[in-house]
Amino acid sequence: MNATRIIAIVLIAAGALGLVYRSFSYTKDTTVVKIGPLELQAEEKQTVNIPLWAGIGAIVIGGLLLVVGGRK
């Protein structure tokens, strides 16, 4: 397999995962207060929403790469 097909398959898989899960969360450590050597930290939960058009677009672009990449 060449690089174009691998990229196409990765795009299709990422687009499908984006359509299925719609969002993902991660935890971010932030410093709330810092006074001299003392430091107060808090964990913030961040959520990233994946737009519907991004998932569909990744699948379409991956499909086009498979079709166009296969013609060479």
Protein backbone atom coordinates (compact mmCIF):
# COMPACT_ATOMS: atom_id res chain seq x y z
CA MET A 1 0.00 0.00 0.00
CA ASN A 2 1.21 3.46 -0.77
CA ALA A 3 0.99 6.52 1.47
CA THR A 4 -2.13 7.91 -0.27
CA ARG A 5 -4.17 4.81 0.53
CA ILE A 6 -2.99 4.77 4.14
CA ILE A 7 -3.97 8.44 4.58
CA ALA A 8 -7.34 7.73 2.94
CA ILE A 9 -8.06 4.82 5.29
CA VAL A 10 -7.04 6.90 8.33
CA LEU A 11 -9.35 9.74 7.21
CA ILE A 12 -12.28 7.36 6.72
CA ALA A 13 -11.71 5.75 10.13
CA ALA A 14 -11.36 9.14 11.87
CA GLY A 15 -14.51 10.43 10.17
CA ALA A 16 -16.47 7.36 11.22
CA LEU A 17 -15.25 7.68 14.81
CA GLY A 18 -16.17 11.36 14.77
CA LEU A 19 -19.70 10.52 13.64
CA VAL A 20 -20.10 7.82 16.28
CA TYR A 21 -18.66 9.60 19.34
CA ARG A 22 -19.51 13.26 18.47
CA SER A 23 -17.23 14.59 21.28
CA PHE A 24 -14.31 13.72 23.53
CA SER A 25 -13.17 14.94 26.94
CA TYR A 26 -9.81 15.49 28.56
CA THR A 27 -8.55 16.81 31.90
CA LYS A 28 -6.38 19.91 32.08
CA ASP A 29 -4.36 20.99 35.15
CA THR A 30 -4.40 24.74 35.75
CA THR A 31 -2.79 26.92 38.40
CA VAL A 32 -5.53 28.85 40.22
CA VAL A 33 -3.45 30.80 42.76
CA LYS A 34 0.30 31.19 43.08
CA ILE A 35 1.61 33.10 46.09
CA GLY A 36 5.34 32.84 46.50
CA PRO A 37 6.30 29.17 46.85
CA LEU A 38 2.67 28.12 47.46
CA GLU A 39 0.63 27.04 44.50
CA LEU A 40 -3.01 25.95 44.24
CA GLN A 41 -3.92 23.83 41.24
CA ALA A 42 -7.26 22.60 39.94
CA GLU A 43 -8.26 20.06 37.34
CA GLU A 44 -10.63 21.28 34.65
CA LYS A 45 -12.56 18.87 32.47
CA GLN A 46 -12.63 20.10 28.88
CA THR A 47 -15.01 18.77 26.23
CA VAL A 48 -14.36 19.12 22.50
CA ASN A 49 -17.38 18.69 20.20
CA ILE A 50 -16.76 17.28 16.73
CA PRO A 51 -19.04 18.88 14.14
CA LEU A 52 -21.12 16.63 11.91
CA TRP A 53 -19.68 18.23 8.77
CA ALA A 54 -16.12 17.41 9.88
CA GLY A 55 -16.88 13.69 10.19
CA ILE A 56 -18.70 13.54 6.86
CA GLY A 57 -15.99 15.63 5.19
CA ALA A 58 -13.23 13.32 6.40
CA ILE A 59 -15.10 10.28 5.04
CA VAL A 60 -15.72 11.97 1.67
CA ILE A 61 -12.12 13.15 1.30
CA GLY A 62 -10.82 9.71 2.30
CA GLY A 63 -13.11 8.07 -0.25
CA LEU A 64 -11.95 10.45 -2.97
CA LEU A 65 -8.33 9.73 -2.12
CA LEU A 66 -8.99 6.00 -2.43
CA VAL A 67 -10.63 6.42 -5.84
CA VAL A 68 -8.15 8.94 -7.24
CA GLY A 69 -5.13 7.24 -5.66
CA GLY A 70 -6.13 3.91 -7.20
CA ARG A 71 -6.11 5.29 -10.78
CA LYS A 72 -2.35 5.72 -10.98
